[in-house]
Amino acid sequence: ISVNPTTLLFAENSTGLVTVTNSAGSPVAAENIAATIPGGSNISVQSTTCGASLAIGASCTITFTASAAEGPTTIPIAGGNTNTVNVDVTVT
């Protein structure tokens, strides 16, 4: 999988959006893609369109929010059968 952008910047009490794409060259659908928020972080996942399965070549979005300035914080995003990609999130 890949993510865009790999560096996300948004203001506190607002949201930031990351698009996750399952490569067209992937042999299988990506399963259960999710972001893992580090302990102690104020950042949370507000919403996601990444369901149980993401088809080959398809994309979904993960929307982050935070109530306080923070970062940069590295947030790994991965599925049960995918590589892990990191997004560096800064909240201003």
C-alpha atoms as a PDB file:
ATOM      1  CA  ILE A   1       0.000   0.000   0.000  1.00  0.00           C
ATOM      2  CA  SER A   2       0.996   3.629  -0.305  1.00  0.00           C
ATOM      3  CA  VAL A   3      -0.200   6.844   1.313  1.00  0.00           C
ATOM      4  CA  ASN A   4      -0.538  10.434   0.146  1.00  0.00           C
ATOM      5  CA  PRO A   5       0.620  12.675   1.658  1.00  0.00           C
ATOM      6  CA  THR A   6       3.408  11.074   3.705  1.00  0.00           C
ATOM      7  CA  THR A   7       3.695  14.291   5.741  1.00  0.00           C
ATOM      8  CA  LEU A   8       0.443  15.750   7.061  1.00  0.00           C
ATOM      9  CA  LEU A   9       0.002  19.172   8.667  1.00  0.00           C
ATOM     10  CA  PHE A  10      -3.257  20.487  10.104  1.00  0.00           C
ATOM     11  CA  ALA A  11      -4.448  22.850  12.823  1.00  0.00           C
ATOM     12  CA  GLU A  12      -5.729  21.695  16.212  1.00  0.00           C
ATOM     13  CA  ASN A  13      -9.499  21.124  16.359  1.00  0.00           C
ATOM     14  CA  SER A  14      -9.571  20.571  12.594  1.00  0.00           C
ATOM     15  CA  THR A  15      -8.910  17.528  10.422  1.00  0.00           C
ATOM     16  CA  GLY A  16      -6.250  16.113   8.141  1.00  0.00           C
ATOM     17  CA  LEU A  17      -6.878  13.588   5.381  1.00  0.00           C
ATOM     18  CA  VAL A  18      -4.635  10.771   4.149  1.00  0.00           C
ATOM     19  CA  THR A  19      -5.426   8.718   1.051  1.00  0.00           C
ATOM     20  CA  VAL A  20      -4.378   5.059   1.173  1.00  0.00           C
ATOM     21  CA  THR A  21      -3.977   3.197  -2.131  1.00  0.00           C
ATOM     22  CA  ASN A  22      -3.646  -0.537  -2.722  1.00  0.00           C
ATOM     23  CA  SER A  23      -1.148  -0.787  -5.568  1.00  0.00           C
ATOM     24  CA  ALA A  24      -2.457  -1.877  -8.978  1.00  0.00           C
ATOM     25  CA  GLY A  25       0.411  -4.374  -8.928  1.00  0.00           C
ATOM     26  CA  SER A  26      -0.718  -5.941  -5.666  1.00  0.00           C
ATOM     27  CA  PRO A  27      -1.657  -9.622  -5.952  1.00  0.00           C
ATOM     28  CA  VAL A  28      -4.483  -9.377  -3.398  1.00  0.00           C
ATOM     29  CA  ALA A  29      -6.997  -7.016  -1.846  1.00  0.00           C
ATOM     30  CA  ALA A  30      -5.656  -5.237   1.243  1.00  0.00           C
ATOM     31  CA  GLU A  31      -7.430  -6.338   4.417  1.00  0.00           C
ATOM     32  CA  ASN A  32      -8.420  -4.257   7.457  1.00  0.00           C
ATOM     33  CA  ILE A  33      -6.300  -1.173   6.792  1.00  0.00           C
ATOM     34  CA  ALA A  34      -5.982   0.965   9.900  1.00  0.00           C
ATOM     35  CA  ALA A  35      -3.817   3.661  11.459  1.00  0.00           C
ATOM     36  CA  THR A  36      -2.104   2.868  14.761  1.00  0.00           C
ATOM     37  CA  ILE A  37      -1.998   5.958  16.971  1.00  0.00           C
ATOM     38  CA  PRO A  38       0.991   5.950  19.370  1.00  0.00           C
ATOM     39  CA  GLY A  39       0.255   5.955  23.097  1.00  0.00           C
ATOM     40  CA  GLY A  40       0.141   9.409  24.637  1.00  0.00           C
ATOM     41  CA  SER A  41      -0.777  11.101  21.367  1.00  0.00           C
ATOM     42  CA  ASN A  42      -3.689  13.568  21.125  1.00  0.00           C
ATOM     43  CA  ILE A  43      -4.228  12.557  17.508  1.00  0.00           C
ATOM     44  CA  SER A  44      -7.172  10.286  16.751  1.00  0.00           C
ATOM     45  CA  VAL A  45      -8.896   8.789  13.735  1.00  0.00           C
ATOM     46  CA  GLN A  46     -12.092  10.760  13.157  1.00  0.00           C
ATOM     47  CA  SER A  47     -13.294   8.571  10.296  1.00  0.00           C
ATOM     48  CA  THR A  48     -12.132   6.089   7.680  1.00  0.00           C
ATOM     49  CA  THR A  49     -13.465   4.727   4.413  1.00  0.00           C
ATOM     50  CA  CYS A  50     -11.031   1.811   4.607  1.00  0.00           C
ATOM     51  CA  GLY A  51     -13.272  -1.193   5.240  1.00  0.00           C
ATOM     52  CA  ALA A  52     -12.521  -4.866   5.687  1.00  0.00           C
ATOM     53  CA  SER A  53     -11.167  -5.131   2.134  1.00  0.00           C
ATOM     54  CA  LEU A  54      -9.576  -2.647  -0.286  1.00  0.00           C
ATOM     55  CA  ALA A  55      -9.565  -3.893  -3.871  1.00  0.00           C
ATOM     56  CA  ILE A  56      -6.422  -3.968  -6.020  1.00  0.00           C
ATOM     57  CA  GLY A  57      -5.865  -0.481  -7.424  1.00  0.00           C
ATOM     58  CA  ALA A  58      -8.493   1.090  -5.133  1.00  0.00           C
ATOM     59  CA  SER A  59      -8.094   3.904  -2.614  1.00  0.00           C
ATOM     60  CA  CYS A  60      -9.649   4.854   0.706  1.00  0.00           C
ATOM     61  CA  THR A  61      -9.226   7.738   3.118  1.00  0.00           C
ATOM     62  CA  ILE A  62      -8.377   8.096   6.804  1.00  0.00           C
ATOM     63  CA  THR A  63      -9.314  11.386   8.479  1.00  0.00           C
ATOM     64  CA  PHE A  64      -7.308  12.435  11.551  1.00  0.00           C
ATOM     65  CA  THR A  65      -8.182  15.043  14.143  1.00  0.00           C
ATOM     66  CA  ALA A  66      -6.483  16.410  17.271  1.00  0.00           C
ATOM     67  CA  SER A  67      -7.481  18.686  20.123  1.00  0.00           C
ATOM     68  CA  ALA A  68      -3.992  20.041  20.816  1.00  0.00           C
ATOM     69  CA  ALA A  69      -0.804  20.952  18.963  1.00  0.00           C
ATOM     70  CA  GLU A  70       1.607  18.064  18.580  1.00  0.00           C
ATOM     71  CA  GLY A  71       4.263  16.565  16.426  1.00  0.00           C
ATOM     72  CA  PRO A  72       5.646  15.575  14.274  1.00  0.00           C
ATOM     73  CA  THR A  73       4.217  12.208  15.311  1.00  0.00           C
ATOM     74  CA  THR A  74       4.858   9.119  13.174  1.00  0.00           C
ATOM     75  CA  ILE A  75       1.664   7.126  12.624  1.00  0.00           C
ATOM     76  CA  PRO A  76       1.981   3.717  10.966  1.00  0.00           C
ATOM     77  CA  ILE A  77      -0.791   2.610   8.604  1.00  0.00           C
ATOM     78  CA  ALA A  78      -1.100  -1.032   7.595  1.00  0.00           C
ATOM     79  CA  GLY A  79      -3.484  -3.818   6.768  1.00  0.00           C
ATOM     80  CA  GLY A  80      -3.518  -7.368   8.040  1.00  0.00           C
ATOM     81  CA  ASN A  81      -1.751  -8.558   4.883  1.00  0.00           C
ATOM     82  CA  THR A  82       0.104  -5.423   3.718  1.00  0.00           C
ATOM     83  CA  ASN A  83       3.318  -3.510   4.154  1.00  0.00           C
ATOM     84  CA  THR A  84       3.396  -0.727   6.757  1.00  0.00           C
ATOM     85  CA  VAL A  85       3.666   2.896   5.647  1.00  0.00           C
ATOM     86  CA  ASN A  86       4.341   5.806   7.982  1.00  0.00           C
ATOM     87  CA  VAL A  87       2.704   9.230   7.950  1.00  0.00           C
ATOM     88  CA  ASP A  88       4.407  12.043   9.860  1.00  0.00           C
ATOM     89  CA  VAL A  89       1.603  14.127  11.365  1.00  0.00           C
ATOM     90  CA  THR A  90       2.109  17.612  12.783  1.00  0.00           C
ATOM     91  CA  VAL A  91      -0.745  19.460  14.504  1.00  0.00           C
ATOM     92  CA  THR A  92      -0.317  23.220  14.816  1.00  0.00           C
END
